[in-house]
């Protein structure tokens, strides 16, 4: 086990040296690289075959063998809209008022002052298209065509929300989109965009609506997986990955395209978080940690498994560096992960990754260590008590070594008080950079600790 003694000054000195020494992202060639980001809805960490899942996923298995997959990749939030804001902006949703989930006909959406990855790449001359679930506001000014995308085709929120409209750009083309053919239609739109964009750099964002409930699979895949409808849906998504990769080869752009595949957060009622504790809506690893694959032949080494901590908020700065695009003016929470993906460094240096549920801060991760500083007084999907659901600071924060304890079963805080102190310092430093409303929520959480948990922490739920 590495030396667990932390000296803050030494850490900062070491970090600065590592950042200065690490190789820069490759300079763009005369033809900037294409970017494809595929994100599932509610796909579990343990669902796909390279992560030990029982569902045959041959195309993702091939993608892993031709690129990398990460064992410690976490999203910006354990629910849909907050997570997607992190993917699109490289920033926590809590910085822009995206705390939970947007519903149909919402009066708000992701703050219009935010720069999306599509905005960034469109300014660089990229063609851009979003195919699938958006979920960052469904009013025209919040839809993809107002957020840097040339074209949009999809359902603007979750498939369990009504009306389940299918949009082309901002126009409703179907009042009730059928589920059984949805993945097929998304894939057709994605392949068509690749074919039409072969002569210019392009960014394709393909956020699948599945396997969120209610699920639907085409006749070709229904019953195929031997793992029920959920398994059939995952197999059809895997087929979609294969179709996208095949289209890149046909158009001769395979080696110049960064392809990434992941999920917005952990599984809901079905699906597997693997050995991880918790599910969607929780800040246990099963809610926050998801599968992540990245492939770019000749640029990303083949067949490697990456164990360092990476965040979905790292995608934005990584793509900016790879494509030679200008970063947004607002500070990012992500870091450029290209040296990590290409094997030049085993880990990414950062102060830590925070785990929020809505406005409530609960955990911080740094490397192998995770500190749980607060938790709800009831499970997320249980009816809240009469006084409401409360985020309560733990009298004795819990420390987990995720390298040896993936399911967060063994609190080792008493053995490592110096790590607990260091992580609490990091947490306080980071939360001080958030809007006043988030800082106030954290202050209120700590006050509940003082008032309600002087002698004992609330029971561990989830």
Protein backbone atom coordinates (compact mmCIF):
# COMPACT_ATOMS: atom_id res chain seq x y z
CA UNK A 1 0.00 0.00 0.00
CA UNK A 2 1.33 3.48 -0.83
CA UNK A 3 2.43 5.73 2.00
CA UNK A 4 -0.79 7.21 3.37
CA UNK A 5 0.84 10.25 4.93
CA UNK A 6 -0.16 13.43 3.08
CA UNK A 7 1.79 16.67 3.08
CA UNK A 8 -0.28 19.29 1.28
CA UNK A 9 2.69 21.40 0.22
CA UNK A 10 4.54 18.37 -1.11
CA UNK A 11 1.41 17.24 -2.97
CA UNK A 12 1.02 20.58 -4.71
CA UNK A 13 4.70 20.64 -5.61
CA UNK A 14 4.52 17.12 -7.03
CA UNK A 15 1.31 17.91 -8.91
CA UNK A 16 2.77 21.03 -10.50
CA UNK A 17 5.79 19.07 -11.64
CA UNK A 18 3.69 16.29 -13.09
CA UNK A 19 1.48 18.73 -14.99
CA UNK A 20 4.48 20.53 -16.41
CA UNK A 21 6.16 17.29 -17.47
CA UNK A 22 3.20 15.51 -19.00
CA UNK A 23 2.92 15.48 -22.80
CA UNK A 24 0.50 17.91 -24.37
CA UNK A 25 -2.46 16.69 -26.39
CA UNK A 26 -1.39 16.07 -29.98
CA UNK A 27 -1.54 19.05 -32.28
CA UNK A 28 -4.34 18.80 -34.82
CA UNK A 29 -3.38 17.63 -38.32
CA UNK A 30 -4.62 19.28 -41.51
CA UNK A 31 -7.82 17.31 -40.96
CA UNK A 32 -8.92 17.66 -37.31
CA UNK A 33 -10.09 14.42 -35.70
CA UNK A 34 -13.75 13.51 -35.54
CA UNK A 35 -15.41 12.87 -32.18
CA UNK A 36 -18.23 10.47 -31.32
CA UNK A 37 -19.65 10.27 -27.80
CA UNK A 38 -22.26 7.58 -27.07
CA UNK A 39 -23.98 7.75 -23.67
CA UNK A 40 -26.58 5.25 -22.45
CA UNK A 41 -29.41 5.98 -20.02
CA UNK A 42 -29.26 3.90 -16.80
CA UNK A 43 -26.66 1.38 -18.02
CA UNK A 44 -25.02 -0.34 -15.06
CA UNK A 45 -21.28 -0.65 -14.43
CA UNK A 46 -21.59 -4.44 -14.49
CA UNK A 47 -23.85 -4.84 -17.53
CA UNK A 48 -21.38 -5.16 -20.42
CA UNK A 49 -19.08 -8.13 -20.96
CA UNK A 50 -15.68 -6.40 -20.47
CA UNK A 51 -16.88 -5.36 -16.99
CA UNK A 52 -17.91 -8.91 -16.10
CA UNK A 53 -21.53 -8.67 -17.19
CA UNK A 54 -23.60 -11.68 -18.34
CA UNK A 55 -24.99 -9.95 -21.45
CA UNK A 56 -23.04 -10.74 -24.64
CA UNK A 57 -21.72 -7.44 -26.02
CA UNK A 58 -19.31 -8.41 -28.81
CA UNK A 59 -18.92 -4.93 -30.27
CA UNK A 60 -18.06 -3.33 -26.96
CA UNK A 61 -15.72 -6.23 -26.28
CA UNK A 62 -14.03 -5.51 -29.61
CA UNK A 63 -13.94 -1.81 -28.82
CA UNK A 64 -12.19 -2.59 -25.51
CA UNK A 65 -9.66 -4.80 -27.29
CA UNK A 66 -8.93 -2.04 -29.81
CA UNK A 67 -8.77 0.75 -27.22
CA UNK A 68 -9.10 1.22 -23.48
CA UNK A 69 -11.76 0.85 -20.83
CA UNK A 70 -11.68 2.44 -17.39
CA UNK A 71 -12.47 0.83 -14.06
CA UNK A 72 -12.78 4.11 -12.12
CA UNK A 73 -14.78 6.42 -14.35
CA UNK A 74 -17.50 8.41 -12.58
CA UNK A 75 -20.16 10.79 -13.83
CA UNK A 76 -21.01 14.30 -12.69
CA UNK A 77 -24.19 13.14 -10.93
CA UNK A 78 -26.31 10.06 -10.18
CA UNK A 79 -29.40 11.35 -12.05
CA UNK A 80 -29.97 12.23 -15.69
CA UNK A 81 -29.90 15.99 -16.21
CA UNK A 82 -27.10 16.72 -13.74
CA UNK A 83 -24.96 14.03 -15.36
CA UNK A 84 -25.61 15.26 -18.90
CA UNK A 85 -24.72 18.81 -17.96
CA UNK A 86 -21.33 17.49 -16.87
CA UNK A 87 -20.79 15.69 -20.17
CA UNK A 88 -21.74 18.71 -22.24
CA UNK A 89 -19.87 21.43 -20.32
CA UNK A 90 -17.06 19.84 -18.28
CA UNK A 91 -18.63 21.42 -15.19
CA UNK A 92 -20.78 20.26 -12.28
CA UNK A 93 -24.49 20.83 -12.86
CA UNK A 94 -24.55 22.45 -9.42
CA UNK A 95 -22.65 25.39 -10.91
CA UNK A 96 -25.44 26.13 -13.38
CA UNK A 97 -28.64 25.20 -11.54
CA UNK A 98 -28.95 21.70 -13.07
CA UNK A 99 -29.56 19.81 -9.85
CA UNK A 100 -31.96 16.98 -10.61
CA UNK A 101 -34.09 16.13 -13.65
CA UNK A 102 -35.97 18.37 -16.10
CA UNK A 103 -39.55 17.36 -16.88
CA UNK A 104 -41.59 18.02 -20.05
CA UNK A 105 -42.61 21.65 -20.59
CA UNK A 106 -40.10 22.85 -18.01
CA UNK A 107 -39.70 26.62 -17.91
CA UNK A 108 -35.95 26.29 -17.49
CA UNK A 109 -33.01 24.28 -18.74
CA UNK A 110 -29.24 24.28 -18.65
CA UNK A 111 -28.14 27.90 -18.20
CA UNK A 112 -27.82 29.64 -21.56
CA UNK A 113 -24.51 31.19 -20.55
CA UNK A 114 -22.86 27.77 -20.54
CA UNK A 115 -20.67 26.68 -23.46
CA UNK A 116 -21.36 23.15 -24.67
CA UNK A 117 -18.92 20.80 -26.33
CA UNK A 118 -20.91 21.32 -29.55
CA UNK A 119 -20.53 25.11 -29.24
CA UNK A 120 -16.80 24.65 -28.78
CA UNK A 121 -16.36 22.35 -31.79
CA UNK A 122 -18.75 24.24 -34.07
CA UNK A 123 -16.57 27.33 -33.56
CA UNK A 124 -13.69 25.16 -34.84
CA UNK A 125 -15.59 24.37 -38.05
CA UNK A 126 -17.09 21.02 -37.06
CA UNK A 127 -20.41 19.66 -38.26
CA UNK A 128 -22.43 18.69 -35.18
CA UNK A 129 -25.42 16.46 -34.56
CA UNK A 130 -27.23 15.13 -31.48
CA UNK A 131 -29.22 11.91 -31.85
CA UNK A 132 -31.19 10.65 -28.84
CA UNK A 133 -32.07 11.82 -25.35
CA UNK A 134 -31.15 15.44 -24.57
CA UNK A 135 -32.68 16.15 -21.13
CA UNK A 136 -31.24 19.63 -20.58
CA UNK A 137 -34.48 21.51 -21.22
CA UNK A 138 -37.15 21.09 -23.92
CA UNK A 139 -38.10 24.73 -24.61
CA UNK A 140 -36.69 25.78 -28.03
CA UNK A 141 -33.91 27.93 -26.56
CA UNK A 142 -32.64 24.97 -24.52
CA UNK A 143 -32.81 22.29 -27.22
CA UNK A 144 -29.66 21.04 -28.99
CA UNK A 145 -30.16 23.25 -32.07
CA UNK A 146 -29.72 26.28 -29.79
CA UNK A 147 -26.75 24.75 -27.96
CA UNK A 148 -24.24 24.26 -30.76
CA UNK A 149 -25.77 21.36 -32.71
CA UNK A 150 -26.61 21.76 -36.39
CA UNK A 151 -29.27 19.08 -36.16
CA UNK A 152 -31.21 17.13 -33.56
CA UNK A 153 -33.24 13.91 -33.75
CA UNK A 154 -34.59 12.32 -30.60
CA UNK A 155 -36.75 12.39 -27.50
CA UNK A 156 -35.82 15.45 -25.42
CA UNK A 157 -36.19 13.73 -22.03
CA UNK A 158 -36.61 10.26 -20.49
CA UNK A 159 -38.84 7.68 -22.16
CA UNK A 160 -41.03 7.35 -19.04
CA UNK A 161 -42.10 11.01 -19.32
CA UNK A 162 -45.21 12.04 -21.23
CA UNK A 163 -45.83 13.05 -23.90
CA UNK A 164 -43.03 10.90 -25.37
CA UNK A 165 -42.55 13.11 -28.41
CA UNK A 166 -39.96 12.55 -31.10
CA UNK A 167 -38.37 15.73 -32.39
CA UNK A 168 -36.49 16.64 -35.52
CA UNK A 169 -34.69 19.85 -34.61
CA UNK A 170 -37.47 21.70 -32.73
CA UNK A 171 -40.46 20.16 -34.52
CA UNK A 172 -42.56 17.29 -33.16
CA UNK A 173 -42.64 14.59 -35.84
CA UNK A 174 -44.31 11.92 -33.67
CA UNK A 175 -46.54 12.50 -30.67
CA UNK A 176 -45.79 9.10 -29.13
CA UNK A 177 -42.50 7.59 -30.22
CA UNK A 178 -42.57 3.77 -30.36
CA UNK A 179 -39.95 2.16 -28.14
CA UNK A 180 -39.32 -1.07 -30.03
CA UNK A 181 -37.64 0.62 -33.00
CA UNK A 182 -36.04 3.58 -31.19
CA UNK A 183 -32.46 2.26 -31.02
CA UNK A 184 -32.67 1.22 -34.68
CA UNK A 185 -33.83 4.68 -35.74
CA UNK A 186 -31.22 6.46 -33.66
CA UNK A 187 -28.56 4.28 -35.26
CA UNK A 188 -29.81 5.01 -38.79
CA UNK A 189 -29.63 8.75 -38.08
CA UNK A 190 -26.12 8.42 -36.66
CA UNK A 191 -24.84 6.39 -39.62
CA UNK A 192 -26.41 8.83 -42.09
CA UNK A 193 -24.65 11.74 -40.37
CA UNK A 194 -21.29 9.95 -40.58
CA UNK A 195 -21.83 9.34 -44.30
CA UNK A 196 -22.82 12.95 -44.94
CA UNK A 197 -19.90 14.34 -42.90
CA UNK A 198 -17.01 12.26 -44.21
CA UNK A 199 -15.41 15.26 -45.93
CA UNK A 200 -15.39 17.57 -42.90
CA UNK A 201 -14.59 17.17 -39.20
CA UNK A 202 -17.68 16.17 -37.22
CA UNK A 203 -18.97 15.71 -33.70
CA UNK A 204 -21.70 13.12 -33.16
CA UNK A 205 -23.35 12.97 -29.75
CA UNK A 206 -25.44 9.79 -29.50
CA UNK A 207 -27.19 9.66 -26.11
CA UNK A 208 -29.32 6.50 -26.24
CA UNK A 209 -32.72 6.50 -24.55
CA UNK A 210 -32.19 2.91 -23.38
CA UNK A 211 -32.00 0.90 -21.16
CA UNK A 212 -34.12 3.32 -19.07
CA UNK A 213 -37.60 1.95 -18.32
CA UNK A 214 -39.96 1.42 -20.13
CA UNK A 215 -37.73 -0.56 -22.44
CA UNK A 216 -38.19 -1.63 -26.01
CA UNK A 217 -36.22 -3.85 -28.38
CA UNK A 218 -36.80 -4.63 -32.04
CA UNK A 219 -37.98 -8.06 -33.20
CA UNK A 220 -34.42 -8.84 -34.23
CA UNK A 221 -33.19 -8.61 -30.62
CA UNK A 222 -36.21 -9.52 -28.50
CA UNK A 223 -35.41 -12.74 -26.65
CA UNK A 224 -31.86 -12.90 -28.03
CA UNK A 225 -29.83 -12.17 -24.88
CA UNK A 226 -31.34 -14.82 -22.56
CA UNK A 227 -31.23 -12.03 -19.93
CA UNK A 228 -34.78 -10.72 -20.33
CA UNK A 229 -35.87 -7.53 -22.04
CA UNK A 230 -33.17 -5.48 -20.31
CA UNK A 231 -30.50 -7.77 -21.76
CA UNK A 232 -32.09 -7.61 -25.21
CA UNK A 233 -32.01 -3.81 -25.06
CA UNK A 234 -28.33 -3.78 -24.09
CA UNK A 235 -27.52 -6.18 -26.91
CA UNK A 236 -29.26 -3.88 -29.37
CA UNK A 237 -27.22 -0.93 -28.09
CA UNK A 238 -24.11 -3.05 -28.60
CA UNK A 239 -25.28 -3.69 -32.18
CA UNK A 240 -25.61 0.07 -32.60
CA UNK A 241 -21.98 0.51 -31.53
CA UNK A 242 -20.96 -1.99 -34.19
CA UNK A 243 -22.92 -0.13 -36.86
CA UNK A 244 -21.26 3.17 -35.94
CA UNK A 245 -17.78 1.63 -36.07
CA UNK A 246 -18.55 -0.05 -39.39
CA UNK A 247 -19.73 3.27 -40.86
CA UNK A 248 -16.43 4.90 -39.88
CA UNK A 249 -14.50 2.17 -41.70
CA UNK A 250 -16.68 2.44 -44.82
CA UNK A 251 -16.10 6.18 -45.00
CA UNK A 252 -12.35 5.85 -44.44
CA UNK A 253 -12.33 7.94 -41.24
CA UNK A 254 -11.90 5.19 -38.65
CA UNK A 255 -8.32 6.05 -37.68
CA UNK A 256 -9.11 9.76 -37.39
CA UNK A 257 -12.10 9.40 -35.06
CA UNK A 258 -12.14 9.32 -31.27
CA UNK A 259 -15.05 7.09 -30.24
CA UNK A 260 -16.22 7.00 -26.62
CA UNK A 261 -19.01 4.98 -24.99
CA UNK A 262 -20.39 5.31 -21.47
CA UNK A 263 -23.53 5.85 -19.36
CA UNK A 264 -25.08 8.81 -17.57
CA UNK A 265 -25.08 7.03 -14.16
CA UNK A 266 -25.74 3.65 -12.59
CA UNK A 267 -28.71 1.30 -13.17
CA UNK A 268 -32.18 1.94 -11.79
CA UNK A 269 -34.50 -1.01 -11.03
CA UNK A 270 -32.83 -3.49 -13.37
CA UNK A 271 -29.29 -3.84 -14.59
CA UNK A 272 -26.15 -4.52 -12.61
CA UNK A 273 -23.77 -2.21 -10.75
CA UNK A 274 -21.35 -5.15 -10.58
CA UNK A 275 -19.69 -5.37 -7.16
CA UNK A 276 -20.44 -1.72 -6.46
CA UNK A 277 -22.79 -0.59 -3.70
CA UNK A 278 -25.90 1.41 -4.61
CA UNK A 279 -27.79 2.32 -7.76
CA UNK A 280 -29.08 5.35 -9.66
CA UNK A 281 -29.89 8.28 -7.40
CA UNK A 282 -27.29 7.41 -4.77
CA UNK A 283 -23.76 8.65 -4.20
CA UNK A 284 -22.51 5.14 -3.57
CA UNK A 285 -20.26 3.94 -6.36
CA UNK A 286 -23.06 1.97 -8.01
CA UNK A 287 -24.86 5.24 -8.69
CA UNK A 288 -21.85 7.26 -9.81
CA UNK A 289 -19.33 4.88 -11.41
CA UNK A 290 -20.03 3.62 -14.93
CA UNK A 291 -18.34 1.83 -17.80
CA UNK A 292 -16.22 3.94 -20.14
CA UNK A 293 -14.62 2.87 -23.41
CA UNK A 294 -12.38 4.97 -25.67
CA UNK A 295 -10.97 3.99 -29.05
CA UNK A 296 -8.82 5.79 -31.63
CA UNK A 297 -6.63 3.44 -33.66
CA UNK A 298 -3.00 4.49 -33.75
CA UNK A 299 -3.50 7.13 -31.05
CA UNK A 300 -4.96 5.24 -28.08
CA UNK A 301 -3.08 1.99 -27.34
CA UNK A 302 -5.10 -1.18 -27.80
CA UNK A 303 -6.30 -3.55 -25.11
CA UNK A 304 -5.41 -1.58 -21.99
CA UNK A 305 -7.43 -1.41 -18.76
CA UNK A 306 -7.08 1.92 -16.94
CA UNK A 307 -7.51 1.96 -13.17
CA UNK A 308 -6.96 5.66 -12.44
CA UNK A 309 -9.82 7.96 -11.51
CA UNK A 310 -11.47 9.75 -14.45
CA UNK A 311 -14.63 11.89 -14.60
CA UNK A 312 -17.19 12.50 -17.32
CA UNK A 313 -16.32 16.19 -16.90
CA UNK A 314 -12.88 15.36 -18.33
CA UNK A 315 -14.37 14.71 -21.79
CA UNK A 316 -14.75 18.42 -22.66
CA UNK A 317 -11.13 19.48 -22.00
CA UNK A 318 -9.80 16.23 -23.50
CA UNK A 319 -11.69 16.83 -26.74
CA UNK A 320 -10.60 20.48 -26.77
CA UNK A 321 -6.95 19.49 -26.52
CA UNK A 322 -7.22 16.75 -29.13
CA UNK A 323 -9.06 18.95 -31.63
CA UNK A 324 -7.19 22.18 -31.01
CA UNK A 325 -10.38 23.94 -29.90
CA UNK A 326 -10.51 26.93 -27.58
CA UNK A 327 -11.78 26.16 -24.08
CA UNK A 328 -14.76 28.09 -22.69
CA UNK A 329 -14.15 31.18 -20.59
CA UNK A 330 -15.73 29.64 -17.50
CA UNK A 331 -13.39 27.44 -15.43
CA UNK A 332 -13.85 23.71 -15.94
CA UNK A 333 -14.07 20.99 -13.31
CA UNK A 334 -12.65 18.43 -15.71
CA UNK A 335 -9.02 17.97 -16.74
CA UNK A 336 -7.43 16.92 -20.01
CA UNK A 337 -7.34 13.11 -19.83
CA UNK A 338 -5.45 12.52 -23.09
CA UNK A 339 -2.15 11.62 -21.37
CA UNK A 340 -4.10 9.12 -19.24
CA UNK A 341 -5.98 7.58 -22.17
CA UNK A 342 -2.78 7.24 -24.20
CA UNK A 343 -0.77 5.67 -21.39
CA UNK A 344 1.63 8.55 -20.70
CA UNK A 345 0.48 8.83 -17.10
CA UNK A 346 -1.20 6.26 -14.81
CA UNK A 347 -3.40 8.83 -13.08
CA UNK A 348 -4.82 12.34 -13.43
CA UNK A 349 -3.87 14.92 -10.85
CA UNK A 350 -6.76 16.88 -9.35
CA UNK A 351 -7.90 18.10 -5.95
CA UNK A 352 -10.73 15.59 -5.93
CA UNK A 353 -14.11 14.71 -7.42
CA UNK A 354 -17.22 15.69 -5.48
CA UNK A 355 -20.37 13.56 -5.32
CA UNK A 356 -23.62 15.53 -5.15
CA UNK A 357 -27.24 14.43 -5.13
CA UNK A 358 -29.22 17.51 -6.14
CA UNK A 359 -27.81 20.44 -4.13
CA UNK A 360 -26.56 18.09 -1.42
CA UNK A 361 -22.84 17.37 -1.19
CA UNK A 362 -22.11 13.95 0.28
CA UNK A 363 -18.72 12.56 -0.78
CA UNK A 364 -15.30 13.31 -2.19
CA UNK A 365 -13.03 10.96 -4.14
CA UNK A 366 -9.30 11.31 -4.57
CA UNK A 367 -7.43 8.44 -6.16
CA UNK A 368 -8.22 5.19 -4.36
CA UNK A 369 -9.85 6.96 -1.39
CA UNK A 370 -13.47 7.98 -0.94
CA UNK A 371 -14.76 9.94 2.02
CA UNK A 372 -18.47 9.93 2.84
CA UNK A 373 -19.09 13.13 4.80
CA UNK A 374 -22.91 13.21 4.66
CA UNK A 375 -25.93 11.18 3.65
CA UNK A 376 -29.69 11.37 3.51
CA UNK A 377 -31.83 10.34 6.45
CA UNK A 378 -33.88 8.05 4.16
CA UNK A 379 -33.14 6.14 0.94
CA UNK A 380 -33.65 8.27 -2.17
CA UNK A 381 -36.64 6.42 -3.64
CA UNK A 382 -38.46 5.92 -0.34
CA UNK A 383 -41.21 8.38 0.68
CA UNK A 384 -39.55 11.16 2.68
CA UNK A 385 -40.55 11.62 6.32
CA UNK A 386 -42.99 14.36 7.29
CA UNK A 387 -40.14 16.77 7.95
CA UNK A 388 -38.72 16.11 4.47
CA UNK A 389 -35.59 14.36 3.28
CA UNK A 390 -32.53 15.81 4.97
CA UNK A 391 -28.86 15.68 4.14
CA UNK A 392 -27.08 15.06 7.44
CA UNK A 393 -23.37 15.32 8.10
CA UNK A 394 -21.82 12.23 9.62
CA UNK A 395 -20.37 12.69 13.09
CA UNK A 396 -17.61 10.34 12.02
CA UNK A 397 -17.00 10.59 8.25
CA UNK A 398 -16.48 7.21 6.65
CA UNK A 399 -13.36 6.44 4.61
CA UNK A 400 -13.25 3.69 2.00
CA UNK A 401 -10.27 2.29 0.15
CA UNK A 402 -11.92 1.57 -3.19
CA UNK A 403 -8.90 -0.31 -4.45
CA UNK A 404 -9.53 -3.11 -1.94
CA UNK A 405 -13.17 -2.43 -1.02
CA UNK A 406 -15.18 -1.68 -4.16
CA UNK A 407 -18.52 -2.15 -2.43
CA UNK A 408 -17.81 0.33 0.38
CA UNK A 409 -18.24 -2.18 3.18
CA UNK A 410 -15.31 -1.41 5.47
CA UNK A 411 -14.84 2.02 7.02
CA UNK A 412 -11.11 2.55 7.59
CA UNK A 413 -11.31 6.13 8.85
CA UNK A 414 -9.99 5.26 12.33
CA UNK A 415 -6.84 3.79 10.77
CA UNK A 416 -6.18 6.82 8.52
CA UNK A 417 -7.12 10.05 10.33
CA UNK A 418 -4.60 12.02 8.27
CA UNK A 419 -6.34 11.01 5.02
CA UNK A 420 -9.73 11.94 6.48
CA UNK A 421 -8.39 15.38 7.39
CA UNK A 422 -6.82 15.85 3.98
CA UNK A 423 -10.01 14.90 2.14
CA UNK A 424 -12.15 17.15 4.33
CA UNK A 425 -9.75 20.01 3.58
CA UNK A 426 -10.03 19.31 -0.13
CA UNK A 427 -13.82 19.15 0.08
CA UNK A 428 -14.06 22.49 1.88
CA UNK A 429 -11.65 24.09 -0.58
CA UNK A 430 -13.68 22.88 -3.56
CA UNK A 431 -17.14 23.69 -2.23
CA UNK A 432 -16.01 27.28 -1.60
CA UNK A 433 -15.83 27.72 -5.39
CA UNK A 434 -19.55 26.91 -5.91
CA UNK A 435 -22.50 29.32 -6.07
CA UNK A 436 -23.84 30.67 -2.79
CA UNK A 437 -26.87 28.34 -2.86
CA UNK A 438 -24.63 25.24 -2.89
CA UNK A 439 -22.36 26.62 -0.19
CA UNK A 440 -25.43 27.43 1.91
CA UNK A 441 -26.78 23.90 1.47
CA UNK A 442 -23.46 22.51 2.73
CA UNK A 443 -23.51 24.89 5.70
CA UNK A 444 -27.02 23.69 6.55
CA UNK A 445 -25.91 20.07 6.27
CA UNK A 446 -23.12 20.66 8.77
CA UNK A 447 -25.54 22.45 11.09
CA UNK A 448 -27.78 19.39 11.10
CA UNK A 449 -24.75 17.40 12.10
CA UNK A 450 -24.22 19.75 15.06
CA UNK A 451 -27.88 19.73 16.09
CA UNK A 452 -28.90 16.15 15.41
CA UNK A 453 -25.90 13.82 15.37
CA UNK A 454 -23.69 14.87 18.26
CA UNK A 455 -23.28 11.32 19.55
CA UNK A 456 -24.08 9.03 16.64
CA UNK A 457 -24.25 9.09 12.88
CA UNK A 458 -27.54 8.27 11.15
CA UNK A 459 -27.85 4.69 9.88
CA UNK A 460 -26.09 3.88 6.67
CA UNK A 461 -28.72 3.55 3.94
CA UNK A 462 -28.58 2.61 0.26
